[in-house]
Amino acid sequence: MVGRRVASEEYFKQRREFNIKTKELGLGDVENYFWYHTIDLGNGLVTPGTYDFRRSVSNFRFPENMSGLRVLDIGSATGFFAFEFERRGAIVTSVELPSLADLDRFPGQSIQYSLARVRRMLDEQALQTTLEALEKLSSDQIYHFLLEGPFQFCQRVLGSTVRRCYSSIYDLPAAMPGGGRFDLVFMGDVLLHTLRPLDALAAAASLCTGTLVIAQLMAETKDQQPVMVYVGGDELAEDNISWWLPNRSCLTQILKKLGFRTIEDVGSHRMVMRQTGRSSDKTVLHASR
């Protein structure tokens, strides 16, 4: 409990300092933004992200030199990985949903349910916006605070040329100009939030000519039978916008069936929520053509 309190105090201290510094630098008011990623923007300016991958990014085993590689970052959020790929020399396309209405929802759940989940999350993070005030925000305003505002801010400060594409993962092949083909495709914790993970994986795989990197939770099973575990619970009014977890055997077989010759488990990374100190270990798989 003490560790969580210290983590929370440190996180909110960083948020306050970041908000003050952005104003001093004339970069605008970002107090109500939700920073999913910790991103070093230079000149001592670091976003107060919920998750900090700077020390663990080596665990993903991305090439150090990505010069000229065409890279697709699916579910890019505030863009840490997209900007990291660009820093390594890649030509990067960052993909996010067009709107919160495009989030997958369990049959019978409304867009209001999704918005309520997001509002509660923002309420836990924001310093200046109360839950009552958040309830008055439109879906578009919440989307801006959650995703687009933070990404655009980082892109502007970094002087980044990362291309932003708006599409559900299912529609990605049609959304890519000329069909779009990428040497490396990255998906972190994306399949967990899809109701149709096989369709989602097939869509991503169709755009990959080289290596597909997946980093996510895997279901722990006692044997090697391929299994997709349902984790959505039995209450229509409550879930974490998460439904399916494959075990390693299941994901390996599906990837081979989708045309990847080798599937390599390159290790794992620990994902720590800075506000609480809670952590989870995510498996990193590289699937190569």
Protein backbone atom coordinates (compact mmCIF):
# COMPACT_ATOMS: atom_id res chain seq x y z
CA MET A 1 0.00 0.00 0.00
CA VAL A 2 2.86 2.38 0.87
CA GLY A 3 4.53 1.61 -2.47
CA ARG A 4 1.33 2.42 -4.35
CA ARG A 5 0.92 5.71 -2.50
CA VAL A 6 4.49 6.73 -3.29
CA ALA A 7 4.03 5.77 -6.96
CA SER A 8 0.83 7.81 -7.15
CA GLU A 9 2.38 10.85 -5.46
CA GLU A 10 5.39 10.73 -7.79
CA TYR A 11 3.15 10.42 -10.85
CA PHE A 12 0.93 13.39 -9.96
CA LYS A 13 3.99 15.47 -9.02
CA GLN A 14 5.37 14.83 -12.51
CA ARG A 15 2.00 15.78 -14.03
CA ARG A 16 1.95 19.09 -12.19
CA GLU A 17 5.52 19.89 -13.19
CA PHE A 18 4.83 18.94 -16.82
CA ASN A 19 1.74 21.15 -17.01
CA ILE A 20 3.66 24.10 -15.58
CA LYS A 21 6.58 23.62 -17.95
CA THR A 22 4.42 23.35 -21.09
CA LYS A 23 2.81 26.66 -20.20
CA GLU A 24 6.18 28.28 -19.51
CA LEU A 25 7.42 27.10 -22.91
CA GLY A 26 4.31 28.47 -24.63
CA LEU A 27 3.19 25.01 -25.76
CA GLY A 28 -0.41 25.40 -24.62
CA ASP A 29 -2.70 24.07 -21.90
CA VAL A 30 -2.56 20.28 -21.68
CA GLU A 31 -3.81 19.83 -18.11
CA ASN A 32 -6.73 17.62 -19.12
CA TYR A 33 -4.82 15.36 -21.49
CA PHE A 34 -4.48 11.67 -20.68
CA TRP A 35 -0.88 10.58 -21.27
CA TYR A 36 -0.85 6.85 -21.97
CA HIS A 37 2.88 6.82 -22.80
CA THR A 38 5.90 8.44 -21.20
CA ILE A 39 7.69 10.19 -24.09
CA ASP A 40 10.92 12.19 -23.89
CA LEU A 41 10.27 15.29 -26.00
CA GLY A 42 13.71 16.81 -25.44
CA ASN A 43 14.86 19.84 -23.46
CA GLY A 44 13.86 18.14 -20.20
CA LEU A 45 10.21 17.82 -21.26
CA VAL A 46 8.85 14.32 -20.57
CA THR A 47 5.15 13.43 -20.80
CA PRO A 48 3.70 12.05 -17.53
CA GLY A 49 2.62 8.74 -19.04
CA THR A 50 0.71 6.01 -17.29
CA TYR A 51 3.20 3.54 -18.79
CA ASP A 52 6.93 4.10 -19.28
CA PHE A 53 8.52 1.81 -21.87
CA ARG A 54 11.82 3.66 -22.21
CA ARG A 55 13.81 1.18 -20.15
CA SER A 56 12.01 -1.94 -21.36
CA VAL A 57 11.84 -1.18 -25.09
CA SER A 58 14.94 -3.36 -25.66
CA ASN A 59 12.88 -6.37 -24.49
CA PHE A 60 10.78 -6.09 -27.65
CA ARG A 61 13.87 -6.93 -29.78
CA PHE A 62 13.17 -4.35 -32.46
CA PRO A 63 16.08 -3.74 -34.85
CA GLU A 64 18.33 -0.96 -33.57
CA ASN A 65 18.75 0.35 -37.11
CA MET A 66 15.38 0.57 -38.90
CA SER A 67 16.52 2.90 -41.68
CA GLY A 68 14.14 2.71 -44.63
CA LEU A 69 11.88 0.07 -43.04
CA ARG A 70 8.15 0.60 -43.54
CA VAL A 71 6.58 0.14 -40.10
CA LEU A 72 2.94 -0.01 -39.02
CA ASP A 73 2.10 0.70 -35.36
CA ILE A 74 -1.44 -0.58 -34.67
CA GLY A 75 -3.25 0.84 -31.65
CA SER A 76 -0.64 3.57 -31.39
CA ALA A 77 -2.40 5.68 -28.70
CA THR A 78 -0.14 8.63 -27.78
CA GLY A 79 2.62 7.28 -30.02
CA PHE A 80 5.64 6.14 -27.99
CA PHE A 81 6.44 3.21 -30.27
CA ALA A 82 5.67 5.11 -33.48
CA PHE A 83 8.08 7.90 -32.50
CA GLU A 84 10.68 5.34 -31.35
CA PHE A 85 10.52 3.56 -34.72
CA GLU A 86 10.93 6.91 -36.45
CA ARG A 87 13.93 7.74 -34.23
CA ARG A 88 15.53 4.50 -35.43
CA GLY A 89 15.06 5.53 -39.04
CA ALA A 90 11.79 3.88 -40.04
CA ILE A 91 9.04 5.27 -42.25
CA VAL A 92 6.12 4.98 -39.82
CA THR A 93 2.35 4.80 -40.04
CA SER A 94 0.49 5.12 -36.74
CA VAL A 95 -3.03 3.65 -36.55
CA GLU A 96 -5.81 4.62 -34.17
CA LEU A 97 -9.58 4.32 -34.15
CA PRO A 98 -11.50 7.10 -35.92
CA SER A 99 -13.64 7.69 -32.81
CA LEU A 100 -14.63 6.15 -29.49
CA ALA A 101 -17.79 4.91 -31.19
CA ASP A 102 -15.52 2.51 -33.10
CA LEU A 103 -14.41 0.68 -29.97
CA ASP A 104 -15.56 -2.93 -29.98
CA ARG A 105 -18.49 -3.46 -27.63
CA PHE A 106 -20.10 -6.65 -26.41
CA PRO A 107 -23.53 -7.24 -28.03
CA GLY A 108 -26.06 -5.19 -26.08
CA GLN A 109 -23.54 -2.66 -24.78
CA SER A 110 -24.06 0.91 -25.97
CA ILE A 111 -21.61 3.65 -26.84
CA GLN A 112 -22.65 5.23 -23.52
CA TYR A 113 -21.14 2.23 -21.73
CA SER A 114 -17.80 2.74 -23.48
CA LEU A 115 -17.84 6.46 -22.76
CA ALA A 116 -18.58 5.82 -19.08
CA ARG A 117 -15.56 3.49 -18.87
CA VAL A 118 -13.32 6.07 -20.49
CA ARG A 119 -14.66 8.88 -18.28
CA ARG A 120 -13.84 6.88 -15.15
CA MET A 121 -10.33 6.31 -16.45
CA LEU A 122 -9.83 10.00 -17.21
CA ASP A 123 -11.25 10.93 -13.81
CA GLU A 124 -8.51 8.86 -12.16
CA GLN A 125 -5.77 10.63 -14.16
CA ALA A 126 -6.79 14.26 -14.71
CA LEU A 127 -5.90 16.89 -12.14
CA GLN A 128 -8.26 19.66 -13.20
CA THR A 129 -11.32 17.88 -14.59
CA THR A 130 -13.90 16.35 -12.24
CA LEU A 131 -16.05 13.38 -13.16
CA GLU A 132 -19.05 15.72 -13.19
CA ALA A 133 -17.27 17.94 -15.72
CA LEU A 134 -16.22 14.91 -17.79
CA GLU A 135 -19.85 13.82 -18.05
CA LYS A 136 -20.58 17.08 -19.88
CA LEU A 137 -17.93 16.42 -22.52
CA SER A 138 -18.95 15.04 -25.88
CA SER A 139 -17.52 11.83 -27.30
CA ASP A 140 -15.33 13.89 -29.66
CA GLN A 141 -13.95 15.97 -26.79
CA ILE A 142 -13.11 12.88 -24.76
CA TYR A 143 -11.41 11.34 -27.81
CA HIS A 144 -9.30 14.49 -28.13
CA PHE A 145 -8.19 14.42 -24.47
CA LEU A 146 -7.55 10.68 -24.59
CA LEU A 147 -5.81 10.13 -27.93
CA GLU A 148 -5.58 12.78 -30.60
CA GLY A 149 -4.58 15.80 -28.52
CA PRO A 150 -1.65 14.08 -26.80
CA PHE A 151 -0.43 12.48 -30.06
CA GLN A 152 -0.57 15.75 -32.00
CA PHE A 153 1.18 17.57 -29.16
CA CYS A 154 4.08 15.08 -29.14
CA GLN A 155 4.28 15.05 -32.94
CA ARG A 156 4.49 18.84 -33.05
CA VAL A 157 7.14 19.15 -30.33
CA LEU A 158 9.24 16.33 -31.80
CA GLY A 159 8.88 17.64 -35.35
CA SER A 160 7.77 14.15 -36.32
CA THR A 161 6.62 13.10 -39.80
CA VAL A 162 4.85 9.93 -38.60
CA ARG A 163 1.70 9.44 -40.69
CA ARG A 164 -1.50 9.00 -38.67
CA CYS A 165 -4.17 6.70 -40.12
CA TYR A 166 -7.67 6.31 -38.68
CA SER A 167 -9.27 2.89 -38.96
CA SER A 168 -10.53 -0.08 -37.00
CA ILE A 169 -8.12 -2.98 -37.21
CA TYR A 170 -10.70 -4.97 -39.19
CA ASP A 171 -10.81 -2.30 -41.92
CA LEU A 172 -7.08 -1.68 -42.10
CA PRO A 173 -6.41 -3.39 -45.46
CA ALA A 174 -9.01 -1.17 -47.15
CA ALA A 175 -7.78 1.93 -45.30
CA MET A 176 -4.20 1.60 -46.54
CA PRO A 177 -3.45 3.55 -49.77
CA GLY A 178 -2.55 1.11 -52.52
CA GLY A 179 -3.21 -1.81 -50.20
CA GLY A 180 -0.24 -0.82 -48.00
CA ARG A 181 2.55 -3.28 -47.21
CA PHE A 182 4.91 -3.05 -44.27
CA ASP A 183 8.22 -4.66 -43.39
CA LEU A 184 7.31 -4.66 -39.69
CA VAL A 185 3.90 -4.52 -38.04
CA PHE A 186 3.60 -3.98 -34.30
CA MET A 187 0.57 -4.80 -32.13
CA GLY A 188 0.70 -4.27 -28.39
CA ASP A 189 -2.33 -5.27 -26.28
CA VAL A 190 -4.66 -4.90 -29.26
CA LEU A 191 -6.21 -8.35 -29.65
CA LEU A 192 -7.40 -8.29 -26.04
CA HIS A 193 -9.77 -5.45 -26.94
CA THR A 194 -11.29 -7.09 -30.01
CA LEU A 195 -14.40 -9.22 -30.10
CA ARG A 196 -13.13 -10.91 -33.27
CA PRO A 197 -9.43 -11.50 -32.60
CA LEU A 198 -9.00 -13.92 -35.53
CA ASP A 199 -10.37 -11.36 -38.01
CA ALA A 200 -8.23 -8.66 -36.39
CA LEU A 201 -5.08 -10.76 -36.60
CA ALA A 202 -5.78 -11.74 -40.20
CA ALA A 203 -6.23 -8.07 -41.18
CA ALA A 204 -2.91 -7.10 -39.59
CA ALA A 205 -1.13 -10.10 -41.08
CA SER A 206 -2.32 -9.25 -44.58
CA LEU A 207 -0.31 -6.00 -44.44
CA CYS A 208 2.92 -7.59 -43.18
CA THR A 209 5.62 -8.67 -45.63
CA GLY A 210 8.29 -9.28 -43.00
CA THR A 211 7.84 -9.49 -39.23
CA LEU A 212 4.73 -9.15 -37.10
CA VAL A 213 5.53 -8.29 -33.48
CA ILE A 214 2.85 -9.01 -30.89
CA ALA A 215 3.23 -8.04 -27.24
CA GLN A 216 0.36 -9.00 -24.94
CA LEU A 217 -0.93 -11.09 -22.09
CA MET A 218 -1.15 -14.80 -22.81
CA ALA A 219 -3.59 -17.19 -21.18
CA GLU A 220 -1.86 -19.58 -18.79
CA THR A 221 -2.98 -23.14 -19.45
CA LYS A 222 -1.84 -26.47 -18.01
CA ASP A 223 -1.18 -28.16 -21.34
CA GLN A 224 -0.27 -27.20 -24.91
CA GLN A 225 -3.75 -27.50 -26.36
CA PRO A 226 -4.51 -24.34 -28.38
CA VAL A 227 -7.03 -22.36 -26.33
CA MET A 228 -8.69 -18.95 -26.55
CA VAL A 229 -9.87 -18.01 -23.04
CA TYR A 230 -12.89 -15.76 -22.52
CA VAL A 231 -12.18 -13.05 -19.91
CA GLY A 232 -15.21 -10.76 -20.39
CA GLY A 233 -17.22 -11.89 -17.37
CA ASP A 234 -20.98 -12.45 -17.18
CA GLU A 235 -22.22 -8.91 -16.45
CA LEU A 236 -23.35 -6.91 -19.47
CA ALA A 237 -22.88 -3.66 -17.57
CA GLU A 238 -19.29 -4.40 -16.55
CA ASP A 239 -16.14 -5.51 -18.32
CA ASN A 240 -12.75 -3.95 -19.08
CA ILE A 241 -13.43 -3.74 -22.81
CA SER A 242 -11.50 -7.04 -22.92
CA TRP A 243 -12.80 -10.45 -23.98
CA TRP A 244 -10.29 -12.97 -25.31
CA LEU A 245 -6.84 -14.22 -24.32
CA PRO A 246 -5.10 -16.84 -26.48
CA ASN A 247 -2.53 -19.16 -25.02
CA ARG A 248 0.85 -19.33 -26.73
CA SER A 249 -0.02 -22.52 -28.63
CA CYS A 250 -3.23 -21.02 -30.00
CA LEU A 251 -1.55 -17.83 -31.21
CA THR A 252 1.36 -19.76 -32.71
CA GLN A 253 -0.91 -22.05 -34.72
CA ILE A 254 -3.05 -19.18 -36.00
CA LEU A 255 0.02 -17.21 -37.06
CA LYS A 256 1.42 -20.21 -38.95
CA LYS A 257 -1.93 -20.71 -40.66
CA LEU A 258 -1.80 -17.04 -41.70
CA GLY A 259 1.46 -17.69 -43.53
CA PHE A 260 4.22 -16.93 -41.02
CA ARG A 261 6.99 -19.52 -41.22
CA THR A 262 8.67 -18.96 -37.86
CA ILE A 263 7.17 -17.85 -34.55
CA GLU A 264 9.75 -16.86 -31.95
CA ASP A 265 9.10 -16.11 -28.29
CA VAL A 266 11.76 -13.44 -27.72
CA GLY A 267 10.91 -12.88 -24.05
CA SER A 268 8.63 -10.56 -22.14
CA HIS A 269 8.34 -7.06 -20.78
CA ARG A 270 6.83 -5.85 -17.54
CA MET A 271 4.10 -3.25 -17.93
CA VAL A 272 3.77 -1.10 -14.80
CA MET A 273 0.92 1.33 -14.17
CA ARG A 274 2.74 4.26 -12.61
CA GLN A 275 -0.21 5.59 -10.59
CA THR A 276 -0.65 2.33 -8.67
CA GLY A 277 2.53 0.33 -9.16
CA ARG A 278 0.46 -2.60 -10.45
CA SER A 279 2.30 -4.65 -13.06
CA SER A 280 1.72 -7.44 -15.57
CA ASP A 281 4.11 -9.41 -17.73
CA LYS A 282 3.47 -9.39 -21.48
CA THR A 283 4.88 -12.00 -23.84
CA VAL A 284 6.65 -10.72 -26.96
CA LEU A 285 6.33 -12.84 -30.10
CA HIS A 286 8.03 -12.26 -33.47
CA ALA A 287 6.27 -13.92 -36.40
CA SER A 288 8.31 -13.87 -39.63
CA ARG A 289 7.35 -14.65 -43.22
